[in-house]
Amino acid sequence: MIHRTRASLTVVVASLPLFAVTPCGGEKPDLAVKSKLTKTDVEAMMKSLSNWGRWGDDDELGALNLITPEKRKQAARLVTEGVTVSLAHDVVKIETAGSPAFGHKMTALPQEAEITSSADEYRVAYHGFTQTHMDALCHLFYKGRMYNGFSQKEVTERGAAKLSIVNVKPGIFTRCVLMDLPKLLGVRFLAGGHAIYPADLDACEKAAGVKVESGDAVLIRTGRWTRADVEGDWEIMKSSAGLHASCLRWLKQRDVAVVGSDLALDVLPSGVEGFEMPVHWVVVVAMGMPILDNLDLEAVSKAAEARKRWSFLLTVAPLAVEGGTGSPVNPLAIF
């Protein structure tokens, strides 16, 4: 089921228990103080939260530099059971508005012979709101520049000469913290347009008993796929839960290395006039932080709840496409 084309319903969903391990005694956190941000505020954050030059003028890894060998060893120590959970949604094979279908064509079928084989080919336009993928740092531009000041002219019909996904060929291997907002708030999923504020992220940390540290990955669960099962399709850009732009400072203060969600990260509409997806743009262009989009966090939510543990090893290995602006991925949580 694809979830983009129909106006969302405004329904009240049934409550579920909060985190079983909440250190704050199971009480719901105070509502975040909602702040009104303007396009000027976001433009200021493009500068104040920038990582340009932090790791050198030629750096193409961005915030992934924060995943040090020590960080990887710390993450590896989280594996105590050897249990893996996929964070990828099954590929979508039907076309939706603005999101082409995943193409799967059989090119060879088994024959009536003792020794035979089959083969196929894939075709996917993965940027959008359906396929699980990673955005490379060459995916977004602001005033003619991408991360670290590289010109958008570095991206041509031949691909991206700078900041392409091939820089992430060694993969991502780090500690991940799951911010399970529906579980925190006692609902099955967040309603359309629900904005997540820094106070909500603080409350998730407190409830889970874990604090986000430098080099961590942070994944935001809004319950997007559960909402789709209940409500059906909706217009993503007009009614989707996600991070408010005020969370950008929180991500920078924590020195997060990679961020992702079960949709497109931003609350939609953003609430910032003149800036449709401010979180996306500041995270990628200013902070140099790759984004994981359209994750399926339902299974890992259940796995985390069963273990009373919301931190785990995360591994991500994109396709090594020179010049690519991103890649379909199958991220794994390992407990």
Protein backbone atom coordinates (compact mmCIF):
# COMPACT_ATOMS: atom_id res chain seq x y z
CA MET A 1 0.00 0.00 0.00
CA ILE A 2 1.34 3.47 -0.92
CA HIS A 3 0.52 6.44 1.22
CA ARG A 4 0.58 9.69 -0.64
CA THR A 5 -2.48 10.33 -2.74
CA ARG A 6 -5.47 10.87 -0.49
CA ALA A 7 -6.13 13.56 2.07
CA SER A 8 -5.56 12.13 5.51
CA LEU A 9 -8.36 11.35 7.92
CA THR A 10 -8.33 12.97 11.33
CA VAL A 11 -9.16 10.07 13.55
CA VAL A 12 -8.45 9.42 17.20
CA VAL A 13 -6.39 6.27 17.57
CA ALA A 14 -6.52 3.82 20.41
CA SER A 15 -4.03 4.31 23.21
CA LEU A 16 -1.22 1.89 23.91
CA PRO A 17 0.97 1.71 27.04
CA LEU A 18 4.01 3.95 27.30
CA PHE A 19 7.52 2.50 27.44
CA ALA A 20 7.55 -0.19 30.07
CA VAL A 21 10.94 1.00 31.33
CA THR A 22 10.19 4.70 31.54
CA PRO A 23 12.36 6.14 34.33
CA CYS A 24 9.86 8.98 34.81
CA GLY A 25 7.27 6.64 36.30
CA GLY A 26 5.20 6.15 33.14
CA GLU A 27 3.83 9.69 33.02
CA LYS A 28 3.42 11.44 29.71
CA PRO A 29 5.89 14.25 29.13
CA ASP A 30 4.75 17.85 29.23
CA LEU A 31 3.71 19.16 25.83
CA ALA A 32 6.56 20.83 24.00
CA VAL A 33 6.46 24.59 23.80
CA LYS A 34 5.72 25.26 20.14
CA SER A 35 7.93 27.86 18.56
CA LYS A 36 7.24 29.70 15.33
CA LEU A 37 10.23 29.65 13.03
CA THR A 38 10.62 31.72 9.88
CA LYS A 39 12.57 31.24 6.69
CA THR A 40 15.09 33.73 8.09
CA ASP A 41 15.55 31.52 11.16
CA VAL A 42 16.23 28.47 8.98
CA GLU A 43 18.67 30.42 6.83
CA ALA A 44 20.49 31.43 10.00
CA MET A 45 20.70 27.76 11.04
CA MET A 46 22.26 26.98 7.67
CA LYS A 47 25.25 28.94 9.00
CA SER A 48 25.14 28.43 12.76
CA LEU A 49 24.74 24.63 12.53
CA SER A 50 27.13 24.17 9.61
CA ASN A 51 29.88 21.54 9.61
CA TRP A 52 31.55 23.03 6.53
CA GLY A 53 35.32 22.87 6.94
CA ARG A 54 35.12 20.95 10.23
CA TRP A 55 36.95 17.97 8.75
CA GLY A 56 38.84 19.86 6.06
CA ASP A 57 37.92 21.75 2.92
CA ASP A 58 37.98 18.57 0.81
CA ASP A 59 35.88 16.44 3.15
CA GLU A 60 33.11 14.41 1.50
CA LEU A 61 31.99 12.25 4.45
CA GLY A 62 30.41 14.95 6.59
CA ALA A 63 28.92 13.80 9.88
CA LEU A 64 29.92 10.20 9.15
CA ASN A 65 33.38 11.30 10.32
CA LEU A 66 31.89 11.11 13.82
CA ILE A 67 31.68 7.31 13.53
CA THR A 68 35.20 6.59 14.72
CA PRO A 69 36.82 3.17 15.21
CA GLU A 70 36.06 3.52 18.94
CA LYS A 71 32.43 4.26 18.11
CA ARG A 72 32.21 1.13 15.99
CA LYS A 73 33.68 -0.97 18.79
CA GLN A 74 31.17 0.53 21.23
CA ALA A 75 28.37 -0.37 18.81
CA ALA A 76 29.67 -3.91 18.36
CA ARG A 77 29.47 -4.48 22.12
CA LEU A 78 25.70 -3.94 21.92
CA VAL A 79 25.31 -7.25 20.09
CA THR A 80 24.45 -9.75 22.81
CA GLU A 81 21.90 -11.98 21.07
CA GLY A 82 22.90 -11.96 17.41
CA VAL A 83 19.30 -11.17 16.40
CA THR A 84 18.82 -9.03 13.26
CA VAL A 85 15.79 -6.95 12.31
CA SER A 86 15.41 -5.37 8.87
CA LEU A 87 14.49 -1.70 8.78
CA ALA A 88 13.53 -1.74 5.09
CA HIS A 89 9.99 -1.70 3.78
CA ASP A 90 9.29 -4.21 1.01
CA VAL A 91 9.83 -2.54 -2.36
CA VAL A 92 6.73 -0.97 -3.86
CA LYS A 93 5.86 -2.32 -7.29
CA ILE A 94 2.92 -0.04 -8.10
CA GLU A 95 3.24 3.51 -9.38
CA THR A 96 1.94 6.37 -7.27
CA ALA A 97 1.76 10.13 -7.80
CA GLY A 98 5.33 11.37 -7.90
CA SER A 99 6.80 8.00 -6.97
CA PRO A 100 7.57 5.57 -9.81
CA ALA A 101 7.16 1.88 -9.25
CA PHE A 102 10.04 -0.46 -8.54
CA GLY A 103 10.63 -2.28 -11.81
CA HIS A 104 11.17 -6.03 -11.70
CA LYS A 105 11.50 -7.85 -15.01
CA MET A 106 12.36 -11.50 -15.54
CA THR A 107 15.05 -11.85 -18.21
CA ALA A 108 15.52 -15.63 -18.10
CA LEU A 109 13.22 -18.45 -16.98
CA PRO A 110 14.09 -22.07 -16.06
CA GLN A 111 14.07 -24.42 -19.03
CA GLU A 112 13.25 -28.10 -19.44
CA ALA A 113 16.83 -29.19 -18.86
CA GLU A 114 18.85 -30.93 -16.18
CA ILE A 115 20.89 -27.78 -15.51
CA THR A 116 19.09 -24.44 -15.90
CA SER A 117 18.73 -21.02 -14.26
CA SER A 118 16.65 -17.87 -13.97
CA ALA A 119 17.57 -14.18 -14.01
CA ASP A 120 15.97 -10.78 -13.73
CA GLU A 121 16.66 -7.06 -13.71
CA TYR A 122 15.62 -4.22 -11.41
CA ARG A 123 14.84 -0.60 -12.16
CA VAL A 124 14.11 1.86 -9.38
CA ALA A 125 13.67 5.61 -9.00
CA TYR A 126 14.08 5.55 -5.24
CA HIS A 127 13.95 9.23 -4.19
CA GLY A 128 10.44 9.98 -2.98
CA PHE A 129 8.10 8.65 -0.34
CA THR A 130 7.94 4.91 -1.02
CA GLN A 131 11.25 3.04 -1.34
CA THR A 132 13.64 2.72 1.61
CA HIS A 133 16.78 4.61 0.66
CA MET A 134 19.71 6.76 1.75
CA ASP A 135 20.21 10.33 0.57
CA ALA A 136 23.81 11.11 -0.35
CA LEU A 137 25.19 14.57 0.41
CA CYS A 138 25.00 15.51 -3.29
CA HIS A 139 21.22 15.12 -3.28
CA LEU A 140 20.32 18.63 -2.05
CA PHE A 141 21.53 22.16 -2.81
CA TYR A 142 21.06 25.56 -1.25
CA LYS A 143 21.90 28.78 -3.07
CA GLY A 144 24.02 26.88 -5.58
CA ARG A 145 26.03 24.95 -3.00
CA MET A 146 25.98 21.52 -1.40
CA TYR A 147 27.70 20.32 1.77
CA ASN A 148 31.15 21.77 2.47
CA GLY A 149 30.66 24.50 -0.13
CA PHE A 150 30.96 22.31 -3.21
CA SER A 151 29.20 23.83 -6.22
CA GLN A 152 26.03 22.25 -7.56
CA LYS A 153 27.79 22.36 -10.92
CA GLU A 154 29.72 19.29 -9.72
CA VAL A 155 26.53 17.34 -10.48
CA THR A 156 26.00 16.77 -14.20
CA GLU A 157 24.41 14.21 -16.50
CA ARG A 158 27.41 12.00 -15.76
CA GLY A 159 26.56 12.01 -12.05
CA ALA A 160 28.00 13.74 -9.00
CA ALA A 161 31.73 14.41 -9.09
CA LYS A 162 31.62 15.30 -5.37
CA LEU A 163 29.75 13.89 -2.35
CA SER A 164 28.30 10.90 -4.20
CA ILE A 165 27.08 7.77 -2.45
CA VAL A 166 30.28 5.94 -3.38
CA ASN A 167 31.93 7.74 -0.46
CA VAL A 168 29.81 5.59 1.84
CA LYS A 169 31.03 2.35 0.23
CA PRO A 170 32.66 1.25 3.53
CA GLY A 171 29.18 1.32 5.03
CA ILE A 172 27.72 2.62 8.29
CA PHE A 173 28.31 0.70 11.51
CA THR A 174 27.33 2.55 14.67
CA ARG A 175 25.11 2.70 17.71
CA CYS A 176 21.52 3.60 16.92
CA VAL A 177 18.86 5.07 19.19
CA LEU A 178 15.22 4.55 18.23
CA MET A 179 12.93 7.46 19.06
CA ASP A 180 9.57 5.69 19.20
CA LEU A 181 7.15 8.63 19.42
CA PRO A 182 3.88 6.66 19.16
CA LYS A 183 5.03 4.40 21.97
CA LEU A 184 6.03 7.41 24.07
CA LEU A 185 2.67 9.12 23.57
CA GLY A 186 0.56 5.99 23.93
CA VAL A 187 -0.89 5.93 20.41
CA ARG A 188 -0.62 3.58 17.46
CA PHE A 189 0.68 6.31 15.17
CA LEU A 190 1.10 10.07 15.05
CA ALA A 191 -1.67 11.99 13.33
CA GLY A 192 -1.02 13.89 10.11
CA GLY A 193 0.85 17.14 10.68
CA HIS A 194 1.96 16.16 14.20
CA ALA A 195 5.18 18.08 14.89
CA ILE A 196 7.92 16.51 17.00
CA TYR A 197 9.83 19.02 19.14
CA PRO A 198 13.15 18.84 21.04
CA ALA A 199 11.27 18.27 24.30
CA ASP A 200 9.74 15.15 22.73
CA LEU A 201 13.20 13.84 21.85
CA ASP A 202 14.37 14.56 25.39
CA ALA A 203 11.36 12.65 26.71
CA CYS A 204 12.17 9.69 24.45
CA GLU A 205 15.70 9.60 25.84
CA LYS A 206 14.40 9.67 29.40
CA ALA A 207 11.78 7.01 28.78
CA ALA A 208 14.24 4.71 27.05
CA GLY A 209 17.00 5.33 29.59
CA VAL A 210 19.55 6.21 26.91
CA LYS A 211 21.18 9.49 25.89
CA VAL A 212 22.17 10.19 22.30
CA GLU A 213 25.92 10.64 21.93
CA SER A 214 28.38 11.78 19.29
CA GLY A 215 28.48 9.44 16.31
CA ASP A 216 25.10 7.83 17.01
CA ALA A 217 22.38 7.25 14.47
CA VAL A 218 18.92 8.51 15.44
CA LEU A 219 15.80 6.98 13.91
CA ILE A 220 12.39 8.64 14.28
CA ARG A 221 9.32 6.40 14.30
CA THR A 222 6.02 8.15 13.57
CA GLY A 223 4.06 4.97 12.84
CA ARG A 224 3.66 5.93 9.18
CA TRP A 225 3.06 2.39 7.92
CA THR A 226 0.53 1.62 10.66
CA ARG A 227 -1.27 4.84 9.83
CA ALA A 228 -1.39 3.78 6.19
CA ASP A 229 -2.98 0.45 7.12
CA VAL A 230 -5.64 2.24 9.18
CA GLU A 231 -6.34 5.36 7.09
CA GLY A 232 -5.20 4.43 3.60
CA ASP A 233 -3.37 6.80 1.27
CA TRP A 234 -2.93 10.50 1.97
CA GLU A 235 -1.15 13.51 0.48
CA ILE A 236 2.27 13.25 2.10
CA MET A 237 3.24 16.89 1.62
CA LYS A 238 0.02 18.14 3.20
CA SER A 239 -0.40 15.95 6.27
CA SER A 240 2.53 13.99 7.68
CA ALA A 241 4.10 13.72 11.11
CA GLY A 242 7.78 14.49 11.52
CA LEU A 243 10.46 16.67 13.07
CA HIS A 244 9.87 20.38 13.57
CA ALA A 245 12.75 22.57 12.41
CA SER A 246 13.52 23.43 16.04
CA CYS A 247 14.96 19.88 16.37
CA LEU A 248 17.88 20.85 14.14
CA ARG A 249 19.84 22.40 17.01
CA TRP A 250 19.19 19.26 19.08
CA LEU A 251 20.69 17.05 16.36
CA LYS A 252 23.75 19.28 16.10
CA GLN A 253 24.25 19.53 19.88
CA ARG A 254 24.21 15.74 20.12
CA ASP A 255 26.61 15.42 17.13
CA VAL A 256 24.37 12.84 15.45
CA ALA A 257 26.08 11.08 12.53
CA VAL A 258 23.07 9.86 10.55
CA VAL A 259 19.34 10.41 10.94
CA GLY A 260 16.32 8.66 9.50
CA SER A 261 12.61 8.09 9.81
CA ASP A 262 9.74 6.03 8.48
CA LEU A 263 8.83 8.85 6.10
CA ALA A 264 10.75 11.97 5.05
CA LEU A 265 11.95 13.28 8.44
CA ASP A 266 10.18 16.70 8.29
CA VAL A 267 6.72 17.42 9.63
CA LEU A 268 4.58 18.33 6.63
CA PRO A 269 3.59 21.03 6.16
CA SER A 270 6.73 22.34 7.84
CA GLY A 271 5.18 25.40 9.47
CA VAL A 272 8.02 27.49 8.04
CA GLU A 273 6.65 29.72 5.30
CA GLY A 274 8.86 29.61 2.22
CA PHE A 275 10.79 26.50 3.32
CA GLU A 276 9.01 23.26 2.48
CA MET A 277 11.42 20.77 4.13
CA PRO A 278 13.83 22.72 6.34
CA VAL A 279 15.04 19.71 8.35
CA HIS A 280 15.99 17.82 5.19
CA TRP A 281 17.90 20.76 3.75
CA VAL A 282 19.79 21.85 6.87
CA VAL A 283 20.71 18.29 7.85
CA VAL A 284 22.15 17.41 4.43
CA VAL A 285 23.54 20.70 3.15
CA ALA A 286 24.74 22.37 6.36
CA MET A 287 25.47 19.45 8.70
CA GLY A 288 26.59 16.95 6.06
CA MET A 289 24.41 14.26 7.63
CA PRO A 290 23.02 11.50 5.37
CA ILE A 291 19.32 10.70 5.76
CA LEU A 292 17.56 7.32 5.73
CA ASP A 293 14.07 7.74 4.27
CA ASN A 294 10.98 5.51 4.25
CA LEU A 295 12.28 3.07 6.81
CA ASP A 296 9.91 0.46 8.17
CA LEU A 297 10.34 0.73 11.94
CA GLU A 298 7.37 -1.40 12.98
CA ALA A 299 9.31 -4.62 13.53
CA VAL A 300 12.20 -2.96 15.35
CA SER A 301 9.70 -1.12 17.57
CA LYS A 302 8.31 -4.46 18.69
CA ALA A 303 11.80 -5.95 19.07
CA ALA A 304 12.94 -3.00 21.19
CA GLU A 305 9.83 -3.12 23.38
CA ALA A 306 10.21 -6.86 23.93
CA ARG A 307 13.76 -6.31 25.16
CA LYS A 308 13.08 -3.02 26.96
CA ARG A 309 16.00 -1.66 24.98
CA TRP A 310 15.94 1.14 22.41
CA SER A 311 19.61 1.21 21.41
CA PHE A 312 21.29 -1.32 19.15
CA LEU A 313 23.90 -1.78 16.44
CA LEU A 314 22.89 -0.31 13.08
CA THR A 315 24.50 -1.37 9.82
CA VAL A 316 23.81 0.20 6.43
CA ALA A 317 25.57 -0.70 3.17
CA PRO A 318 24.55 1.37 0.11
CA LEU A 319 25.28 0.35 -3.47
CA ALA A 320 28.72 1.53 -4.56
CA VAL A 321 27.53 3.75 -7.40
CA GLU A 322 30.09 6.31 -8.48
CA GLY A 323 28.29 9.60 -8.99
CA GLY A 324 25.06 8.37 -7.35
CA THR A 325 22.83 10.75 -5.39
CA GLY A 326 21.84 8.00 -2.96
CA SER A 327 20.96 4.34 -2.88
CA PRO A 328 18.19 1.89 -2.01
CA VAL A 329 19.23 0.20 1.23
CA ASN A 330 18.23 -2.57 3.64
CA PRO A 331 19.43 -1.28 7.02
CA LEU A 332 19.75 -3.83 9.82
CA ALA A 333 19.26 -3.45 13.56
CA ILE A 334 21.29 -6.05 15.45
CA PHE A 335 20.52 -6.88 19.10
